Protein backbone atom coordinates (compact mmCIF):
# COMPACT_ATOMS: atom_id res chain seq x y z
CA UNK A 1 96.29 60.74 100.30
CA UNK A 2 94.68 63.40 98.30
CA UNK A 3 94.75 62.61 94.41
CA UNK A 4 96.26 65.95 92.64
CA UNK A 5 94.06 67.68 90.44
CA UNK A 6 94.79 68.09 86.94
CA UNK A 7 97.14 71.11 86.82
CA UNK A 8 95.95 74.02 84.10
CA UNK A 9 99.32 75.79 83.99
CA UNK A 10 103.01 75.05 83.12
CA UNK A 11 105.38 74.98 86.16
CA UNK A 12 107.41 77.73 84.40
CA UNK A 13 104.22 79.77 84.57
CA UNK A 14 103.99 79.30 88.31
CA UNK A 15 107.35 80.27 88.92
CA UNK A 16 107.38 83.55 86.70
CA UNK A 17 104.04 84.56 88.48
CA UNK A 18 105.70 83.84 92.32
CA UNK A 19 108.86 85.76 91.13
CA UNK A 20 106.85 88.84 89.52
CA UNK A 21 105.29 89.31 92.98
CA UNK A 22 107.81 91.33 94.40
CA UNK A 23 108.08 94.71 93.39
CA UNK A 24 111.09 95.88 91.38
CA UNK A 25 112.61 97.38 94.66
CA UNK A 26 112.10 94.29 96.65
CA UNK A 27 114.70 91.38 97.04
CA UNK A 28 113.31 87.73 96.79
CA UNK A 29 114.56 86.02 99.54
CA UNK A 30 112.92 82.33 98.74
CA UNK A 31 111.56 80.73 95.92
CA UNK A 32 110.42 77.53 95.97
CA UNK A 33 109.24 76.14 92.35
CA UNK A 34 108.24 72.79 94.13
CA UNK A 35 109.15 71.39 91.06
CA UNK A 36 111.17 68.23 92.22
CA UNK A 37 110.67 64.78 91.30
CA UNK A 38 112.59 62.55 94.10
CA UNK A 39 114.29 63.50 97.93
CA UNK A 40 113.37 65.16 100.58
CA UNK A 41 114.73 68.31 99.81
CA UNK A 42 112.64 71.65 98.66
CA UNK A 43 115.04 73.48 96.84
CA UNK A 44 115.03 77.54 97.29
CA UNK A 45 116.01 79.25 93.72
CA UNK A 46 116.71 82.57 95.25
CA UNK A 47 120.08 82.35 95.57
CA UNK A 48 119.85 82.53 99.46
CA UNK A 49 119.98 78.98 100.71
CA UNK A 50 116.35 78.80 102.03
CA UNK A 51 115.92 75.03 101.45
CA UNK A 52 112.91 72.65 103.24
CA UNK A 53 113.03 69.32 104.31
CA UNK A 54 109.68 67.61 102.89
CA UNK A 55 107.74 65.18 105.08
CA UNK A 56 105.50 62.98 103.52
CA UNK A 57 105.19 64.91 100.61
CA UNK A 58 104.41 63.63 97.18
CA UNK A 59 106.54 64.91 94.54
CA UNK A 60 105.04 65.29 90.81
CA UNK A 61 107.28 67.68 89.38
CA UNK A 62 104.61 70.09 89.22
CA UNK A 63 104.07 70.58 92.82
CA UNK A 64 103.90 69.00 96.01
CA UNK A 65 100.57 66.80 97.51
CA UNK A 66 99.91 67.19 101.10
CA UNK A 67 97.73 64.47 102.69
CA UNK A 68 95.77 66.82 105.29
CA UNK A 69 97.10 64.55 107.80
CA UNK A 70 100.84 64.25 107.93
CA UNK A 71 102.45 66.36 105.17
CA UNK A 72 104.65 69.27 106.09
CA UNK A 73 107.76 71.23 104.88
CA UNK A 74 110.21 72.91 107.27
CA UNK A 75 112.39 75.78 106.54
CA UNK A 76 114.91 76.78 109.15
CA UNK A 77 115.20 79.71 110.51
CA UNK A 78 117.40 82.35 108.69
CA UNK A 79 117.63 86.08 108.78
CA UNK A 80 116.61 86.55 105.69
CA UNK A 81 113.10 85.26 106.45
CA UNK A 82 112.66 87.35 109.17
CA UNK A 83 111.32 90.60 107.31
CA UNK A 84 112.05 93.29 110.38
CA UNK A 85 110.91 96.50 109.75
CA UNK A 86 110.53 96.45 106.18
CA UNK A 87 107.47 96.02 103.82
CA UNK A 88 107.28 92.46 102.54
CA UNK A 89 104.77 89.69 101.19
CA UNK A 90 104.58 86.30 100.64
CA UNK A 91 102.89 84.01 98.11
CA UNK A 92 101.55 80.09 97.43
CA UNK A 93 100.20 78.67 94.72
CA UNK A 94 97.27 75.97 95.52
CA UNK A 95 94.74 73.42 93.84
CA UNK A 96 92.49 71.60 96.29
CA UNK A 97 89.09 70.78 96.21
CA UNK A 98 88.93 69.30 99.48
CA UNK A 99 87.11 71.78 101.75
CA UNK A 100 88.17 72.20 105.29
CA UNK A 101 85.81 70.98 107.74
CA UNK A 102 83.82 73.36 109.43
CA UNK A 103 84.99 75.36 111.80
CA UNK A 104 88.92 74.35 111.08
CA UNK A 105 91.20 76.11 108.20
CA UNK A 106 94.45 74.75 106.76
CA UNK A 107 97.62 76.54 107.25
CA UNK A 108 99.27 76.72 103.65
CA UNK A 109 102.27 78.68 105.08
CA UNK A 110 103.55 80.73 108.52
CA UNK A 111 106.55 81.51 110.32
CA UNK A 112 105.79 81.74 113.72
CA UNK A 113 102.34 81.17 116.10
CA UNK A 114 99.85 84.05 117.59
CA UNK A 115 102.10 83.00 121.01
CA UNK A 116 105.51 83.55 119.24
CA UNK A 117 108.06 86.28 120.68
CA UNK A 118 108.94 88.54 118.01
CA UNK A 119 105.62 88.45 115.96
CA UNK A 120 104.35 85.97 113.15
CA UNK A 121 102.99 85.96 109.95
CA UNK A 122 100.94 83.23 108.01
CA UNK A 123 98.34 82.78 105.40
CA UNK A 124 95.26 80.18 105.36
CA UNK A 125 92.35 78.67 103.74
CA UNK A 126 89.31 78.72 106.21
CA UNK A 127 86.05 77.35 105.97
CA UNK A 128 83.56 80.44 105.78
CA UNK A 129 79.93 79.78 104.92
CA UNK A 130 80.39 76.88 102.52
CA UNK A 131 83.28 78.03 100.96
CA UNK A 132 87.24 78.15 101.40
CA UNK A 133 88.49 81.81 101.87
CA UNK A 134 92.03 82.77 102.19
CA UNK A 135 93.18 84.95 105.44
CA UNK A 136 96.10 86.80 105.67
CA UNK A 137 97.29 87.05 109.39
CA UNK A 138 100.35 89.48 109.97
CA UNK A 139 101.59 90.15 113.78
CA UNK A 140 104.20 92.22 114.95
CA UNK A 141 106.46 91.79 118.42
CA UNK A 142 104.46 94.22 120.15
CA UNK A 143 101.31 91.98 119.58
CA UNK A 144 99.51 94.47 117.19
CA UNK A 145 97.91 92.59 113.87
CA UNK A 146 96.49 92.78 110.87
CA UNK A 147 94.14 90.53 108.77
CA UNK A 148 92.80 90.20 105.65
CA UNK A 149 90.12 87.76 104.41
CA UNK A 150 88.88 86.86 101.12
CA UNK A 151 85.63 86.69 99.51
CA UNK A 152 86.78 84.52 96.65
CA UNK A 153 86.20 80.34 96.92
CA UNK A 154 89.70 79.00 96.95
CA UNK A 155 88.54 75.14 97.42
CA UNK A 156 87.45 74.58 94.00
CA UNK A 157 89.92 72.78 92.24
CA UNK A 158 91.06 75.61 90.42
CA UNK A 159 95.01 77.01 90.33
CA UNK A 160 94.74 80.32 92.81
CA UNK A 161 97.81 82.49 93.35
CA UNK A 162 97.39 83.70 97.22
CA UNK A 163 99.59 86.74 97.71
CA UNK A 164 99.68 88.34 101.30
CA UNK A 165 101.84 92.06 101.65
CA UNK A 166 102.37 94.13 104.22
CA UNK A 167 102.87 97.81 103.76
CA UNK A 168 103.91 100.59 105.76
CA UNK A 169 100.25 101.46 106.71
CA UNK A 170 98.06 98.57 105.63
CA UNK A 171 97.86 94.68 104.92
CA UNK A 172 96.74 93.83 101.42
CA UNK A 173 95.35 90.38 100.50
CA UNK A 174 95.31 89.43 96.72
CA UNK A 175 94.18 86.44 94.62
CA UNK A 176 94.82 85.41 91.21
CA UNK A 177 93.99 89.13 89.19
CA UNK A 178 91.38 90.11 91.07
CA UNK A 179 91.18 93.28 92.93
CA UNK A 180 93.27 93.29 96.71
CA UNK A 181 91.33 93.90 99.93
CA UNK A 182 93.00 95.39 102.49
CA UNK A 183 93.26 96.44 106.25
CA UNK A 184 94.40 99.85 107.06
CA UNK A 185 97.09 99.11 110.32
CA UNK A 186 100.82 100.24 110.87
CA UNK A 187 103.11 97.35 112.54
CA UNK A 188 106.15 97.38 114.16
CA UNK A 189 108.79 94.69 113.65
CA UNK A 190 108.38 90.93 112.62
CA UNK A 191 111.29 89.11 113.59
CA UNK A 192 111.38 85.48 115.53
CA UNK A 193 113.46 82.40 115.76
CA UNK A 194 110.86 80.08 114.44
CA UNK A 195 111.02 78.06 111.28
CA UNK A 196 108.57 78.59 108.27
CA UNK A 197 106.24 75.83 107.69
CA UNK A 198 104.17 74.87 104.80
CA UNK A 199 101.21 72.89 104.86
CA UNK A 200 101.01 72.66 108.73
CA UNK A 201 100.70 74.86 111.64
CA UNK A 202 103.42 72.80 113.35
CA UNK A 203 106.18 70.27 113.00
CA UNK A 204 105.17 68.42 116.06
CA UNK A 205 101.59 68.15 116.77
CA UNK A 206 100.46 65.04 114.96
CA UNK A 207 96.47 65.97 115.59
CA UNK A 208 93.51 67.42 113.79
CA UNK A 209 94.49 70.81 115.31
CA UNK A 210 97.50 71.17 113.53
CA UNK A 211 95.53 72.91 110.61
CA UNK A 212 96.82 70.23 108.03
CA UNK A 213 96.34 71.22 104.40
CA UNK A 214 95.07 68.52 101.87
CA UNK A 215 95.94 69.58 98.01
CA UNK A 216 98.71 70.65 95.77
CA UNK A 217 101.02 73.60 96.36
CA UNK A 218 102.36 74.17 92.86
CA UNK A 219 104.89 76.99 94.43
CA UNK A 220 105.77 79.83 97.17
CA UNK A 221 107.94 82.58 97.62
CA UNK A 222 108.83 85.64 99.86
CA UNK A 223 110.23 88.81 99.12
CA UNK A 224 111.24 91.73 101.24
CA UNK A 225 111.48 95.36 100.65
């Protein structure tokens, strides 16, 4: 079991940070504050009804703790979670000091796999050069993809906000208030029937290949438009 590091920021700050990741013209379609203290339901505060089900997740009232071997949250597919041809942005707030093994990564949030019809989007932490780097990958239904890898070590025990954004001509990765990194690419429609997973690659695989996250996720969200 991973012991959550001491959190430095109040939960309300986390909520505001995630919500403000959406631009004035976008619509928040999922906002998971992860402030539950009991039960197995992760409530969506956006009003769109995208609640999730927790599996082996420890609730602390200030984030969910994932054990690195069996913890995940699954959110059923819904039309609001499929951005189609629209611009969109998804954000997670993470805090961990547990580094992925060499050649491995942690899945923080994903909808679809590389083989999924209709495309996929995901954000990971991958081991690279001795540090944990954030990685955004967005792939459209035609197989065209854009990916951006950060340079900041996000596996240092501090709270980090990771935001992936798909714009009309680029994919952008932003970590905290640091300058964004980008990949120029024009992507088509992204819409699949897969559930949205937090903390793991799939809800069925039970071995080391499932990219299990070890640490705390404070909040997450998705906005479209």
